[in-house]
Amino acid sequence: MNDSFPHDLPDDAPGEIGLVRWRDYVCAEPFLFECGRELPGFTLRYETYGRLNAARDNAILICHALSGDHHCAGVHSIRDSKPGWWNNLIGPGKAVDTNQYFVICSNCLGGCQGSTGPSSINPLTGKRYGTDFPSITIRDMVRAQERLLVRELGVQSLYAVVGGSMGGMQVLQWMTDYPDFVRRVLALATTGRQSAQAIAFNEVGRSAIMQDPGWQNGAYASGQGPHVGLSVARMMAHITYLSDRGLEEKFGRSRRVVEGDEKFGAEFEVESYLHYQGQSFINRFDANTYLYFTKALDRFDMYGEGRRMEDSFAGVKSRVLVTGFTSDWLYPPEQNRAIAHALLRCGKQASYAQLDMTLGHDSFLVHAPELYRLISGFLAN
């Protein structure tokens, strides 16, 4: 027994997944994007937790948000101080219980954490794709995930697919494109289509990147790029993930010590926090991927031209739970509720839950026992 672990926990206390490692699925078959362009193949980086049962029907797919990746639980080494981004949700005895379920999460196609994307090498030219990478949609991401599940992992059906924000969009795409494959769907803090305001925020972020001289029309070298523009884009986007009340509770007007005659330095703690978010983002994320992913978000539309959302949901067979958060002003509760109402209008098994939390759009990512009970109950029934 490792003496660093507490000995007085109850037998049913949630545990940790512990050490995990990523794998790469290399698809050697051509992949046709919705835009009409084709890649000769692609790679998806992914992680799995738990075990696939004999019937191959206990799999849960986790879909990540814009700035997320495949590493959603566990740690990569004993010195890793930062576990996966949804580690509080996934693990033995947790809401997504790896004693029961086989959990999969992949970095989306178009990403920059091991999956094929703009920063990958184009085998035809020997150079990075850059902006020569095909335009990508949420549907393209889902179709690539389906190849991973079926051809690489032998999954015959999904017990559930779960995701928030951009991950929630993937969830909606899964249940409409693969209705016989998905049994349960849990979409959190998402929308059936981007609002004009959300598109506007994304455009400001893209403009900051593309007007940075370091962008070089997307042809920057590895380790280089529009660092200032990407940092500004992240800072502004991060504000939309929070809430006025949450920022006030966390920072208020707290000041920090500014050395020397720094007239325009980060005087307030909230300014310092945003600068930290921007700086840490450029160390792990590719600017071109940011451009591609935000465009995929903006183009996502479950309504479609001249259609109603329920028309898109006509073939859905999954049980669906949509969850909104009161302080989310990026994808506010009414946008989440509209998804559930559209499903109900076409006779589907759907419900809506709303949680009163103060942390804005990112509420689905923080420690939230009420959310865990909601998810655990939905998966169990």
Protein backbone atom coordinates (compact mmCIF):
# COMPACT_ATOMS: atom_id res chain seq x y z
CA MET A 1 0.00 0.00 0.00
CA ASN A 2 1.24 3.50 -0.87
CA ASP A 3 1.30 5.53 2.35
CA SER A 4 0.64 8.73 0.39
CA PHE A 5 -2.96 7.63 -0.07
CA PRO A 6 -5.50 8.31 2.72
CA HIS A 7 -6.59 5.15 4.55
CA ASP A 8 -9.86 6.41 5.96
CA LEU A 9 -11.85 6.77 2.74
CA PRO A 10 -15.12 4.81 2.49
CA ASP A 11 -15.09 1.74 0.28
CA ASP A 12 -17.22 3.46 -2.36
CA ALA A 13 -15.15 6.69 -2.49
CA PRO A 14 -14.25 7.78 -6.01
CA GLY A 15 -10.77 6.81 -7.12
CA GLU A 16 -8.30 8.10 -9.68
CA ILE A 17 -7.44 6.62 -13.05
CA GLY A 18 -3.76 7.27 -12.41
CA LEU A 19 -1.16 6.99 -15.17
CA VAL A 20 -2.46 7.01 -18.74
CA ARG A 21 -0.84 7.18 -22.15
CA TRP A 22 -2.09 8.39 -25.46
CA ARG A 23 -2.23 6.33 -28.65
CA ASP A 24 -2.43 7.25 -32.32
CA TYR A 25 -4.98 5.86 -34.75
CA VAL A 26 -3.50 6.10 -38.23
CA CYS A 27 -6.13 5.82 -40.95
CA ALA A 28 -4.49 5.05 -44.31
CA GLU A 29 -7.73 5.40 -46.28
CA PRO A 30 -8.67 8.67 -48.02
CA PHE A 31 -10.94 11.03 -46.10
CA LEU A 32 -13.35 13.30 -47.97
CA PHE A 33 -14.24 16.53 -46.19
CA GLU A 34 -17.62 18.21 -46.50
CA CYS A 35 -15.92 21.01 -48.41
CA GLY A 36 -15.12 18.49 -51.19
CA ARG A 37 -11.39 18.23 -50.57
CA GLU A 38 -9.65 15.00 -49.62
CA LEU A 39 -6.73 13.88 -47.49
CA PRO A 40 -4.93 10.60 -48.30
CA GLY A 41 -5.33 9.61 -44.64
CA PHE A 42 -5.21 11.08 -41.16
CA THR A 43 -4.14 10.47 -37.57
CA LEU A 44 -6.27 10.86 -34.46
CA ARG A 45 -4.57 10.94 -31.06
CA TYR A 46 -6.73 9.43 -28.33
CA GLU A 47 -6.85 8.04 -24.81
CA THR A 48 -9.04 5.34 -23.29
CA TYR A 49 -9.97 4.58 -19.68
CA GLY A 50 -11.65 1.45 -18.37
CA ARG A 51 -12.27 -1.68 -20.44
CA LEU A 52 -14.54 -2.56 -23.33
CA ASN A 53 -16.88 -5.35 -22.27
CA ALA A 54 -17.48 -8.59 -24.15
CA ALA A 55 -20.61 -7.21 -25.83
CA ARG A 56 -18.65 -4.11 -26.89
CA ASP A 57 -21.53 -1.87 -25.86
CA ASN A 58 -20.31 -0.06 -22.73
CA ALA A 59 -18.32 2.64 -24.56
CA ILE A 60 -18.72 6.33 -23.75
CA LEU A 61 -17.23 8.91 -26.11
CA ILE A 62 -16.12 12.21 -24.60
CA CYS A 63 -16.02 15.13 -27.06
CA HIS A 64 -13.76 18.05 -26.22
CA ALA A 65 -14.37 21.79 -26.54
CA LEU A 66 -12.43 24.22 -28.73
CA SER A 67 -9.29 24.44 -26.61
CA GLY A 68 -9.47 20.89 -25.23
CA ASP A 69 -7.78 17.71 -26.39
CA HIS A 70 -7.68 13.94 -25.94
CA HIS A 71 -6.28 14.08 -22.39
CA CYS A 72 -9.46 14.34 -20.32
CA ALA A 73 -8.55 12.16 -17.31
CA GLY A 74 -5.59 10.75 -15.41
CA VAL A 75 -1.99 11.95 -15.52
CA HIS A 76 0.85 11.29 -17.95
CA SER A 77 3.58 10.86 -15.33
CA ILE A 78 4.01 10.79 -11.57
CA ARG A 79 5.45 14.31 -11.84
CA ASP A 80 2.46 15.57 -13.83
CA SER A 81 0.71 18.12 -11.62
CA LYS A 82 -2.08 18.78 -14.10
CA PRO A 83 -4.54 15.92 -14.69
CA GLY A 84 -6.86 15.66 -17.68
CA TRP A 85 -9.32 18.49 -18.20
CA TRP A 86 -12.36 16.45 -17.01
CA ASN A 87 -10.56 14.37 -14.39
CA ASN A 88 -13.09 15.47 -11.76
CA LEU A 89 -15.82 13.73 -13.78
CA ILE A 90 -14.14 10.57 -15.10
CA GLY A 91 -12.67 7.73 -13.06
CA PRO A 92 -13.46 4.78 -10.78
CA GLY A 93 -16.64 5.54 -8.86
CA LYS A 94 -17.02 9.00 -10.43
CA ALA A 95 -19.99 10.24 -12.47
CA VAL A 96 -18.52 8.64 -15.60
CA ASP A 97 -17.45 5.48 -13.82
CA THR A 98 -14.54 3.67 -15.47
CA ASN A 99 -15.39 0.57 -13.43
CA GLN A 100 -18.50 0.32 -15.62
CA TYR A 101 -17.70 2.15 -18.83
CA PHE A 102 -15.02 2.15 -21.49
CA VAL A 103 -14.29 5.83 -22.00
CA ILE A 104 -12.69 7.26 -25.15
CA CYS A 105 -11.59 10.78 -25.97
CA SER A 106 -9.76 11.84 -29.13
CA ASN A 107 -8.17 15.09 -30.21
CA CYS A 108 -10.41 16.29 -33.05
CA LEU A 109 -9.41 16.14 -36.68
CA GLY A 110 -7.93 19.55 -37.44
CA GLY A 111 -6.41 19.77 -33.97
CA CYS A 112 -2.87 20.43 -32.83
CA GLN A 113 -2.29 17.86 -30.09
CA GLY A 114 -1.26 14.88 -32.21
CA SER A 115 -4.20 14.66 -34.61
CA THR A 116 -3.84 15.66 -38.24
CA GLY A 117 -4.38 19.39 -38.63
CA PRO A 118 -2.87 22.55 -40.11
CA SER A 119 0.41 22.09 -38.21
CA SER A 120 0.87 18.54 -39.57
CA ILE A 121 3.20 17.71 -42.45
CA ASN A 122 1.53 17.37 -45.83
CA PRO A 123 2.99 14.11 -47.25
CA LEU A 124 2.67 15.49 -50.80
CA THR A 125 4.83 18.56 -50.14
CA GLY A 126 6.89 17.69 -47.07
CA LYS A 127 5.79 20.98 -45.51
CA ARG A 128 3.22 21.91 -42.90
CA TYR A 129 -0.31 22.17 -44.28
CA GLY A 130 -0.92 25.63 -42.85
CA THR A 131 -3.94 27.17 -44.53
CA ASP A 132 -3.78 24.54 -47.29
CA PHE A 133 -5.52 22.21 -44.82
CA PRO A 134 -9.14 21.59 -45.92
CA SER A 135 -11.92 23.59 -44.30
CA ILE A 136 -13.33 21.45 -41.50
CA THR A 137 -16.81 21.07 -40.03
CA ILE A 138 -18.22 19.51 -36.88
CA ARG A 139 -19.52 16.69 -39.09
CA ASP A 140 -16.00 16.03 -40.41
CA MET A 141 -14.75 15.73 -36.81
CA VAL A 142 -17.50 13.23 -35.98
CA ARG A 143 -16.94 11.13 -39.11
CA ALA A 144 -13.25 10.80 -38.21
CA GLN A 145 -14.19 9.76 -34.65
CA GLU A 146 -16.53 7.10 -36.05
CA ARG A 147 -13.62 5.53 -37.97
CA LEU A 148 -11.55 5.45 -34.77
CA LEU A 149 -14.32 3.79 -32.78
CA VAL A 150 -15.32 1.16 -35.32
CA ARG A 151 -12.13 0.36 -37.19
CA GLU A 152 -9.53 0.81 -34.48
CA LEU A 153 -11.33 0.04 -31.20
CA GLY A 154 -14.04 -2.37 -32.39
CA VAL A 155 -16.85 -0.45 -30.69
CA GLN A 156 -20.20 -1.66 -32.02
CA SER A 157 -22.35 0.97 -30.33
CA LEU A 158 -21.96 3.87 -27.95
CA TYR A 159 -23.58 3.63 -24.56
CA ALA A 160 -23.35 7.42 -24.49
CA VAL A 161 -21.66 10.40 -26.08
CA VAL A 162 -20.94 13.35 -23.79
CA GLY A 163 -19.59 16.83 -24.46
CA GLY A 164 -19.86 20.52 -23.71
CA SER A 165 -19.55 23.64 -25.88
CA MET A 166 -17.92 22.54 -29.18
CA GLY A 167 -18.05 19.05 -27.71
CA GLY A 168 -21.80 19.49 -27.32
CA MET A 169 -22.06 20.32 -31.01
CA GLN A 170 -20.26 17.07 -31.81
CA VAL A 171 -22.74 15.26 -29.56
CA LEU A 172 -25.68 16.69 -31.53
CA GLN A 173 -23.99 15.72 -34.79
CA TRP A 174 -23.44 12.18 -33.51
CA MET A 175 -27.09 11.62 -32.63
CA THR A 176 -28.32 12.92 -36.00
CA ASP A 177 -25.72 11.27 -38.26
CA TYR A 178 -25.47 7.91 -36.44
CA PRO A 179 -28.88 7.37 -34.81
CA ASP A 180 -28.52 3.57 -34.58
CA PHE A 181 -25.07 3.81 -33.02
CA VAL A 182 -25.73 6.10 -30.04
CA ARG A 183 -28.01 5.13 -27.15
CA ARG A 184 -27.64 8.14 -24.84
CA VAL A 185 -26.64 11.72 -25.50
CA LEU A 186 -25.57 14.33 -22.98
CA ALA A 187 -25.02 17.83 -24.37
CA LEU A 188 -23.86 20.57 -22.02
CA ALA A 189 -23.51 24.34 -22.45
CA THR A 190 -23.99 24.18 -26.21
CA THR A 191 -26.21 25.44 -29.00
CA GLY A 192 -27.97 24.31 -32.15
CA ARG A 193 -26.27 27.11 -34.03
CA GLN A 194 -23.98 30.01 -33.30
CA SER A 195 -25.61 33.35 -32.52
CA ALA A 196 -24.49 36.53 -34.28
CA GLN A 197 -22.78 37.60 -31.05
CA ALA A 198 -20.78 34.37 -30.79
CA ILE A 199 -19.74 34.67 -34.44
CA ALA A 200 -18.72 38.27 -33.82
CA PHE A 201 -16.47 37.34 -30.89
CA ASN A 202 -14.82 34.61 -32.96
CA GLU A 203 -14.20 37.02 -35.82
CA VAL A 204 -12.43 39.48 -33.53
CA GLY A 205 -10.18 36.65 -32.34
CA ARG A 206 -9.42 35.54 -35.88
CA SER A 207 -8.66 39.12 -36.90
CA ALA A 208 -6.18 39.49 -34.04
CA ILE A 209 -4.36 36.38 -35.27
CA MET A 210 -4.38 37.20 -38.98
CA GLN A 211 -3.30 40.84 -38.47
CA ASP A 212 -0.29 39.75 -36.42
CA PRO A 213 2.77 39.91 -38.75
CA GLY A 214 3.87 36.56 -37.32
CA TRP A 215 0.93 34.80 -38.97
CA GLN A 216 2.54 35.04 -42.45
CA ASN A 217 -0.69 33.94 -44.15
CA GLY A 218 -0.59 30.76 -42.10
CA ALA A 219 2.88 29.71 -43.31
CA TYR A 220 4.79 30.31 -40.05
CA ALA A 221 7.40 27.76 -38.97
CA SER A 222 7.07 25.35 -36.05
CA GLY A 223 7.60 27.17 -32.77
CA GLN A 224 6.88 30.51 -34.40
CA GLY A 225 3.67 32.23 -35.34
CA PRO A 226 1.30 35.04 -34.36
CA HIS A 227 1.88 34.74 -30.63
CA VAL A 228 0.56 38.19 -29.78
CA GLY A 229 -2.56 37.75 -31.91
CA LEU A 230 -3.28 34.27 -30.54
CA SER A 231 -2.81 35.50 -26.98
CA VAL A 232 -5.25 38.37 -27.53
CA ALA A 233 -7.75 35.99 -29.16
CA ARG A 234 -7.54 33.68 -26.16
CA MET A 235 -7.88 36.52 -23.67
CA MET A 236 -11.01 37.82 -25.34
CA ALA A 237 -12.55 34.36 -25.80
CA HIS A 238 -11.82 33.51 -22.18
CA ILE A 239 -13.93 36.45 -21.06
CA THR A 240 -16.90 34.88 -22.90
CA TYR A 241 -16.34 31.63 -20.99
CA LEU A 242 -16.74 33.40 -17.64
CA SER A 243 -19.46 35.60 -16.17
CA ASP A 244 -19.69 39.05 -14.65
CA ARG A 245 -20.64 37.61 -11.27
CA GLY A 246 -17.92 34.98 -11.40
CA LEU A 247 -15.23 37.53 -12.23
CA GLU A 248 -16.48 39.83 -9.50
CA GLU A 249 -16.43 37.03 -6.93
CA LYS A 250 -12.95 35.89 -7.92
CA PHE A 251 -11.21 39.22 -8.55
CA GLY A 252 -13.43 42.22 -7.92
CA ARG A 253 -11.19 45.27 -8.19
CA SER A 254 -8.23 43.67 -6.42
CA ARG A 255 -4.97 45.30 -7.38
CA ARG A 256 -1.48 43.97 -7.70
CA VAL A 257 1.89 45.65 -7.26
CA VAL A 258 3.08 47.26 -10.49
CA GLU A 259 6.81 47.96 -10.47
CA GLY A 260 8.30 51.19 -11.76
CA ASP A 261 6.49 53.71 -13.92
CA GLU A 262 4.46 51.12 -15.81
CA LYS A 263 1.52 53.27 -16.92
CA PHE A 264 -0.34 50.57 -18.76
CA GLY A 265 0.73 47.42 -16.94
CA ALA A 266 -1.57 44.78 -15.48
CA GLU A 267 -2.66 46.82 -12.46
CA PHE A 268 -5.71 44.73 -11.59
CA GLU A 269 -5.65 41.04 -10.74
CA VAL A 270 -8.19 40.27 -13.45
CA GLU A 271 -5.83 41.80 -16.03
CA SER A 272 -2.96 39.64 -14.81
CA TYR A 273 -5.22 36.57 -14.97
CA LEU A 274 -6.14 37.24 -18.59
CA HIS A 275 -2.50 37.80 -19.58
CA TYR A 276 -1.62 34.47 -17.94
CA GLN A 277 -4.40 32.72 -19.89
CA GLY A 278 -3.17 34.22 -23.15
CA GLN A 279 0.48 33.36 -22.54
CA SER A 280 -0.16 29.79 -21.45
CA PHE A 281 -2.39 29.22 -24.48
CA ILE A 282 0.27 30.07 -27.05
CA ASN A 283 2.54 27.45 -25.48
CA ARG A 284 0.11 24.62 -26.26
CA PHE A 285 -2.18 25.64 -29.13
CA ASP A 286 -1.68 26.28 -32.84
CA ALA A 287 -3.01 29.55 -34.26
CA ASN A 288 -4.20 27.98 -37.51
CA THR A 289 -6.14 25.33 -35.60
CA TYR A 290 -7.80 28.17 -33.70
CA LEU A 291 -8.87 29.72 -37.02
CA TYR A 292 -10.18 26.42 -38.36
CA PHE A 293 -12.03 25.40 -35.21
CA THR A 294 -13.73 28.76 -34.69
CA LYS A 295 -14.92 28.70 -38.30
CA ALA A 296 -16.30 25.19 -37.72
CA LEU A 297 -18.19 26.55 -34.72
CA ASP A 298 -19.60 29.46 -36.70
CA ARG A 299 -20.77 27.26 -39.57
CA PHE A 300 -22.45 24.68 -37.32
CA ASP A 301 -26.22 24.92 -37.83
CA MET A 302 -28.75 22.31 -36.75
CA TYR A 303 -31.49 24.47 -38.23
CA GLY A 304 -30.17 24.65 -41.77
CA GLU A 305 -31.38 26.92 -44.51
CA GLY A 306 -35.17 27.24 -44.39
CA ARG A 307 -35.51 24.39 -41.90
CA ARG A 308 -36.50 23.91 -38.29
CA MET A 309 -34.21 22.23 -35.79
CA GLU A 310 -36.72 19.39 -35.35
CA ASP A 311 -36.29 18.58 -39.05
CA SER A 312 -32.64 17.79 -38.32
CA PHE A 313 -33.69 15.67 -35.33
CA ALA A 314 -36.33 13.58 -37.14
CA GLY A 315 -34.20 10.43 -37.19
CA VAL A 316 -32.80 10.66 -33.65
CA LYS A 317 -33.23 7.49 -31.56
CA SER A 318 -31.08 8.35 -28.52
CA ARG A 319 -32.25 9.36 -25.08
CA VAL A 320 -31.09 12.93 -24.70
CA LEU A 321 -30.29 15.20 -21.76
CA VAL A 322 -29.43 18.81 -22.51
CA THR A 323 -27.94 20.87 -19.66
CA GLY A 324 -27.65 24.63 -19.50
CA PHE A 325 -26.12 26.95 -16.91
CA THR A 326 -27.76 30.13 -15.66
CA SER A 327 -24.65 32.32 -15.93
CA ASP A 328 -23.60 31.14 -19.41
CA TRP A 329 -23.93 34.11 -21.74
CA LEU A 330 -22.02 32.54 -24.64
CA TYR A 331 -24.55 29.71 -25.07
CA PRO A 332 -27.28 30.85 -22.67
CA PRO A 333 -29.92 28.56 -21.15
CA GLU A 334 -32.53 29.44 -23.77
CA GLN A 335 -30.30 28.11 -26.54
CA ASN A 336 -29.79 24.82 -24.69
CA ARG A 337 -33.48 24.60 -23.83
CA ALA A 338 -34.39 25.11 -27.50
CA ILE A 339 -32.55 21.88 -28.38
CA ALA A 340 -34.58 19.84 -25.90
CA HIS A 341 -37.84 21.49 -26.98
CA ALA A 342 -37.12 20.73 -30.65
CA LEU A 343 -36.51 17.07 -29.77
CA LEU A 344 -39.73 16.89 -27.76
CA ARG A 345 -41.74 18.47 -30.58
CA CYS A 346 -40.74 15.60 -32.85
CA GLY A 347 -41.54 12.96 -30.23
CA LYS A 348 -38.04 12.12 -29.00
CA GLN A 349 -36.96 11.08 -25.50
CA ALA A 350 -35.43 14.31 -24.31
CA SER A 351 -35.16 16.34 -21.13
CA TYR A 352 -33.59 19.61 -20.08
CA ALA A 353 -31.79 20.45 -16.85
CA GLN A 354 -30.61 23.87 -15.76
CA LEU A 355 -28.00 24.40 -13.06
CA ASP A 356 -27.65 27.65 -11.15
CA MET A 357 -23.89 28.25 -11.20
CA THR A 358 -21.95 31.51 -11.26
CA LEU A 359 -18.92 30.56 -13.35
CA GLY A 360 -20.41 31.17 -16.78
CA HIS A 361 -19.90 29.00 -19.84
CA ASP A 362 -17.06 27.08 -18.19
CA SER A 363 -19.37 25.86 -15.41
CA PHE A 364 -19.44 22.39 -16.97
CA LEU A 365 -15.67 22.05 -16.42
CA VAL A 366 -15.39 23.00 -12.74
CA HIS A 367 -15.95 20.97 -9.59
CA ALA A 368 -19.75 20.66 -9.41
CA PRO A 369 -21.28 17.83 -7.33
CA GLU A 370 -24.79 18.70 -8.53
CA LEU A 371 -23.68 18.23 -12.13
CA TYR A 372 -21.98 14.93 -11.28
CA ARG A 373 -25.17 13.59 -9.69
CA LEU A 374 -27.14 14.66 -12.75
CA ILE A 375 -24.75 12.90 -15.14
CA SER A 376 -24.47 9.78 -13.01
CA GLY A 377 -28.25 9.48 -12.76
CA PHE A 378 -28.75 9.96 -16.49
CA LEU A 379 -26.20 7.32 -17.39
CA ALA A 380 -27.65 4.84 -14.88
CA ASN A 381 -31.25 5.01 -16.20
